[in-house]
Amino acid sequence: MDWKAIATIAVGVIGLIGVLVQRRYNRAVGRDRAKADLDLLALLPEDSSVRDELRSHIDETIRHIISVEDTERRDAFGIALASAFLVVSAGLGYCFVEYGGWWLALAGAFFFVFGVVGLASDGPRRQRDSRGRRL
């Protein structure tokens, strides 16, 4: 097995994931966006025609933060379990490539499907109860 090629691909994928995560978390959302809008409102002249529209937008944003964003969260246990399934799937995939055996591929596919479905359902921020189930 060519470990140099695998290492090069792994570094590229990790770098891409890092760029996507940084891009996602550098955007102003929630309270940061409301604060930026408040600063913009303070800079607008008193006779500006968009002042009232911006004020109502800020009010809606803050209502949304209070009612929804403060109660949205991810299910950490579900994410950890799904990640463990994906790690097991990768291990079984490696064993399948190295040693063969259709049953390793079948088991790896089973764990892969449950890992992807688990991440898709538990990863996004949603309103959840105390046990992490979606409301």
C-alpha atoms as a PDB file:
ATOM      1  CA  MET A   1       0.000   0.000   0.000  1.00  0.00           C
ATOM      2  CA  ASP A   2       1.346   3.448  -0.951  1.00  0.00           C
ATOM      3  CA  TRP A   3       1.374   5.380   2.317  1.00  0.00           C
ATOM      4  CA  LYS A   4       2.744   8.562   0.721  1.00  0.00           C
ATOM      5  CA  ALA A   5      -0.309   8.892  -1.508  1.00  0.00           C
ATOM      6  CA  ILE A   6      -2.662   8.201   1.398  1.00  0.00           C
ATOM      7  CA  ALA A   7      -0.859  10.769   3.560  1.00  0.00           C
ATOM      8  CA  THR A   8      -1.046  13.369   0.791  1.00  0.00           C
ATOM      9  CA  ILE A   9      -4.771  12.790   0.320  1.00  0.00           C
ATOM     10  CA  ALA A  10      -5.374  12.861   4.093  1.00  0.00           C
ATOM     11  CA  VAL A  11      -3.529  16.182   4.455  1.00  0.00           C
ATOM     12  CA  GLY A  12      -5.541  17.647   1.573  1.00  0.00           C
ATOM     13  CA  VAL A  13      -8.864  16.476   3.013  1.00  0.00           C
ATOM     14  CA  ILE A  14      -8.008  17.740   6.508  1.00  0.00           C
ATOM     15  CA  GLY A  15      -6.968  21.097   5.052  1.00  0.00           C
ATOM     16  CA  LEU A  16     -10.208  21.360   3.102  1.00  0.00           C
ATOM     17  CA  ILE A  17     -12.248  20.532   6.202  1.00  0.00           C
ATOM     18  CA  GLY A  18     -10.308  23.173   8.142  1.00  0.00           C
ATOM     19  CA  VAL A  19     -11.058  25.832   5.523  1.00  0.00           C
ATOM     20  CA  LEU A  20     -14.762  24.931   5.470  1.00  0.00           C
ATOM     21  CA  VAL A  21     -15.012  25.015   9.276  1.00  0.00           C
ATOM     22  CA  GLN A  22     -13.186  28.337   9.457  1.00  0.00           C
ATOM     23  CA  ARG A  23     -15.456  29.802   6.799  1.00  0.00           C
ATOM     24  CA  ARG A  24     -18.533  28.574   8.644  1.00  0.00           C
ATOM     25  CA  TYR A  25     -17.564  29.993  12.026  1.00  0.00           C
ATOM     26  CA  ASN A  26     -16.181  33.350  10.836  1.00  0.00           C
ATOM     27  CA  ARG A  27     -19.596  34.577   9.690  1.00  0.00           C
ATOM     28  CA  ALA A  28     -21.523  36.872  11.982  1.00  0.00           C
ATOM     29  CA  VAL A  29     -24.603  35.042  13.239  1.00  0.00           C
ATOM     30  CA  GLY A  30     -26.997  35.458  16.117  1.00  0.00           C
ATOM     31  CA  ARG A  31     -25.839  37.911  18.731  1.00  0.00           C
ATOM     32  CA  ASP A  32     -22.805  39.005  16.709  1.00  0.00           C
ATOM     33  CA  ARG A  33     -25.001  39.943  13.776  1.00  0.00           C
ATOM     34  CA  ALA A  34     -27.482  41.775  16.017  1.00  0.00           C
ATOM     35  CA  LYS A  35     -24.597  43.694  17.613  1.00  0.00           C
ATOM     36  CA  ALA A  36     -23.220  44.635  14.182  1.00  0.00           C
ATOM     37  CA  ASP A  37     -26.708  45.786  13.132  1.00  0.00           C
ATOM     38  CA  LEU A  38     -26.999  47.890  16.301  1.00  0.00           C
ATOM     39  CA  ASP A  39     -23.641  49.499  15.561  1.00  0.00           C
ATOM     40  CA  LEU A  40     -24.813  50.233  12.019  1.00  0.00           C
ATOM     41  CA  LEU A  41     -28.055  51.709  13.366  1.00  0.00           C
ATOM     42  CA  ALA A  42     -26.073  54.040  15.611  1.00  0.00           C
ATOM     43  CA  LEU A  43     -24.067  55.259  12.607  1.00  0.00           C
ATOM     44  CA  LEU A  44     -27.127  56.031  10.475  1.00  0.00           C
ATOM     45  CA  PRO A  45     -28.354  59.616  10.512  1.00  0.00           C
ATOM     46  CA  GLU A  46     -31.626  60.296  12.336  1.00  0.00           C
ATOM     47  CA  ASP A  47     -33.466  61.229   9.134  1.00  0.00           C
ATOM     48  CA  SER A  48     -32.421  58.061   7.223  1.00  0.00           C
ATOM     49  CA  SER A  49     -35.255  56.285   5.426  1.00  0.00           C
ATOM     50  CA  VAL A  50     -33.974  52.798   6.310  1.00  0.00           C
ATOM     51  CA  ARG A  51     -33.585  53.473  10.024  1.00  0.00           C
ATOM     52  CA  ASP A  52     -37.041  52.152  10.936  1.00  0.00           C
ATOM     53  CA  GLU A  53     -36.615  49.086   8.712  1.00  0.00           C
ATOM     54  CA  LEU A  54     -33.271  48.286  10.310  1.00  0.00           C
ATOM     55  CA  ARG A  55     -34.728  48.771  13.798  1.00  0.00           C
ATOM     56  CA  SER A  56     -37.564  46.325  13.038  1.00  0.00           C
ATOM     57  CA  HIS A  57     -35.041  43.862  11.558  1.00  0.00           C
ATOM     58  CA  ILE A  58     -32.973  44.073  14.742  1.00  0.00           C
ATOM     59  CA  ASP A  59     -36.089  43.462  16.839  1.00  0.00           C
ATOM     60  CA  GLU A  60     -36.958  40.372  14.771  1.00  0.00           C
ATOM     61  CA  THR A  61     -33.387  39.085  15.024  1.00  0.00           C
ATOM     62  CA  ILE A  62     -33.344  39.444  18.794  1.00  0.00           C
ATOM     63  CA  ARG A  63     -36.758  37.755  19.106  1.00  0.00           C
ATOM     64  CA  HIS A  64     -35.439  34.892  17.009  1.00  0.00           C
ATOM     65  CA  ILE A  65     -32.345  34.599  19.209  1.00  0.00           C
ATOM     66  CA  ILE A  66     -34.444  34.485  22.362  1.00  0.00           C
ATOM     67  CA  SER A  67     -37.038  32.028  21.076  1.00  0.00           C
ATOM     68  CA  VAL A  68     -35.003  29.649  18.923  1.00  0.00           C
ATOM     69  CA  GLU A  69     -31.237  29.997  18.891  1.00  0.00           C
ATOM     70  CA  ASP A  70     -30.792  29.787  22.653  1.00  0.00           C
ATOM     71  CA  THR A  71     -32.608  26.441  22.728  1.00  0.00           C
ATOM     72  CA  GLU A  72     -30.966  24.882  19.655  1.00  0.00           C
ATOM     73  CA  ARG A  73     -28.135  22.463  20.294  1.00  0.00           C
ATOM     74  CA  ARG A  74     -26.445  19.363  18.942  1.00  0.00           C
ATOM     75  CA  ASP A  75     -26.635  15.878  20.426  1.00  0.00           C
ATOM     76  CA  ALA A  76     -23.058  15.238  21.542  1.00  0.00           C
ATOM     77  CA  PHE A  77     -23.613  11.571  22.399  1.00  0.00           C
ATOM     78  CA  GLY A  78     -25.190  10.898  19.006  1.00  0.00           C
ATOM     79  CA  ILE A  79     -22.316  12.627  17.221  1.00  0.00           C
ATOM     80  CA  ALA A  80     -19.741  10.627  19.193  1.00  0.00           C
ATOM     81  CA  LEU A  81     -21.567   7.353  18.497  1.00  0.00           C
ATOM     82  CA  ALA A  82     -21.895   8.133  14.782  1.00  0.00           C
ATOM     83  CA  SER A  83     -18.194   9.063  14.624  1.00  0.00           C
ATOM     84  CA  ALA A  84     -17.304   5.767  16.317  1.00  0.00           C
ATOM     85  CA  PHE A  85     -19.393   3.918  13.704  1.00  0.00           C
ATOM     86  CA  LEU A  86     -17.486   5.713  10.944  1.00  0.00           C
ATOM     87  CA  VAL A  87     -14.134   4.819  12.526  1.00  0.00           C
ATOM     88  CA  VAL A  88     -15.175   1.159  12.777  1.00  0.00           C
ATOM     89  CA  SER A  89     -16.342   1.334   9.160  1.00  0.00           C
ATOM     90  CA  ALA A  90     -12.979   2.714   8.068  1.00  0.00           C
ATOM     91  CA  GLY A  91     -11.184  -0.048   9.979  1.00  0.00           C
ATOM     92  CA  LEU A  92     -13.346  -2.718   8.393  1.00  0.00           C
ATOM     93  CA  GLY A  93     -12.776  -1.128   4.973  1.00  0.00           C
ATOM     94  CA  TYR A  94      -9.030  -1.271   5.532  1.00  0.00           C
ATOM     95  CA  CYS A  95      -9.245  -4.914   6.584  1.00  0.00           C
ATOM     96  CA  PHE A  96     -11.345  -5.670   3.503  1.00  0.00           C
ATOM     97  CA  VAL A  97      -8.738  -4.098   1.219  1.00  0.00           C
ATOM     98  CA  GLU A  98      -5.826  -5.842   2.939  1.00  0.00           C
ATOM     99  CA  TYR A  99      -7.284  -9.288   3.649  1.00  0.00           C
ATOM    100  CA  GLY A 100     -10.384  -9.614   1.471  1.00  0.00           C
ATOM    101  CA  GLY A 101     -13.616 -11.226   2.539  1.00  0.00           C
ATOM    102  CA  TRP A 102     -17.019 -10.032   1.433  1.00  0.00           C
ATOM    103  CA  TRP A 103     -18.351 -10.076   4.979  1.00  0.00           C
ATOM    104  CA  LEU A 104     -15.873  -7.344   5.999  1.00  0.00           C
ATOM    105  CA  ALA A 105     -17.238  -5.121   3.227  1.00  0.00           C
ATOM    106  CA  LEU A 106     -20.799  -5.866   4.307  1.00  0.00           C
ATOM    107  CA  ALA A 107     -20.074  -5.084   7.948  1.00  0.00           C
ATOM    108  CA  GLY A 108     -18.181  -1.932   6.945  1.00  0.00           C
ATOM    109  CA  ALA A 109     -21.105  -0.762   4.802  1.00  0.00           C
ATOM    110  CA  PHE A 110     -23.501  -1.396   7.717  1.00  0.00           C
ATOM    111  CA  PHE A 111     -21.441   0.743  10.097  1.00  0.00           C
ATOM    112  CA  PHE A 112     -20.894   3.403   7.417  1.00  0.00           C
ATOM    113  CA  VAL A 113     -24.634   3.808   6.765  1.00  0.00           C
ATOM    114  CA  PHE A 114     -25.450   4.114  10.469  1.00  0.00           C
ATOM    115  CA  GLY A 115     -22.579   6.548  10.996  1.00  0.00           C
ATOM    116  CA  VAL A 116     -23.669   8.847   8.159  1.00  0.00           C
ATOM    117  CA  VAL A 117     -27.334   8.727   9.208  1.00  0.00           C
ATOM    118  CA  GLY A 118     -26.354   9.413  12.826  1.00  0.00           C
ATOM    119  CA  LEU A 119     -24.247  12.428  11.891  1.00  0.00           C
ATOM    120  CA  ALA A 120     -26.980  13.759   9.622  1.00  0.00           C
ATOM    121  CA  SER A 121     -29.613  13.536  12.360  1.00  0.00           C
ATOM    122  CA  ASP A 122     -27.572  14.526  15.438  1.00  0.00           C
ATOM    123  CA  GLY A 123     -25.083  16.984  13.934  1.00  0.00           C
ATOM    124  CA  PRO A 124     -27.285  19.955  12.965  1.00  0.00           C
ATOM    125  CA  ARG A 125     -28.357  22.391  15.648  1.00  0.00           C
ATOM    126  CA  ARG A 126     -32.014  21.806  16.495  1.00  0.00           C
ATOM    127  CA  GLN A 127     -34.351  22.292  19.382  1.00  0.00           C
ATOM    128  CA  ARG A 128     -33.958  19.238  21.583  1.00  0.00           C
ATOM    129  CA  ASP A 129     -35.259  17.944  24.888  1.00  0.00           C
ATOM    130  CA  SER A 130     -33.031  17.140  27.863  1.00  0.00           C
ATOM    131  CA  ARG A 131     -32.170  13.711  26.418  1.00  0.00           C
ATOM    132  CA  GLY A 132     -31.056  15.141  23.056  1.00  0.00           C
ATOM    133  CA  ARG A 133     -34.099  14.065  21.052  1.00  0.00           C
ATOM    134  CA  ARG A 134     -35.506  16.492  18.505  1.00  0.00           C
ATOM    135  CA  LEU A 135     -38.662  18.342  19.433  1.00  0.00           C
END
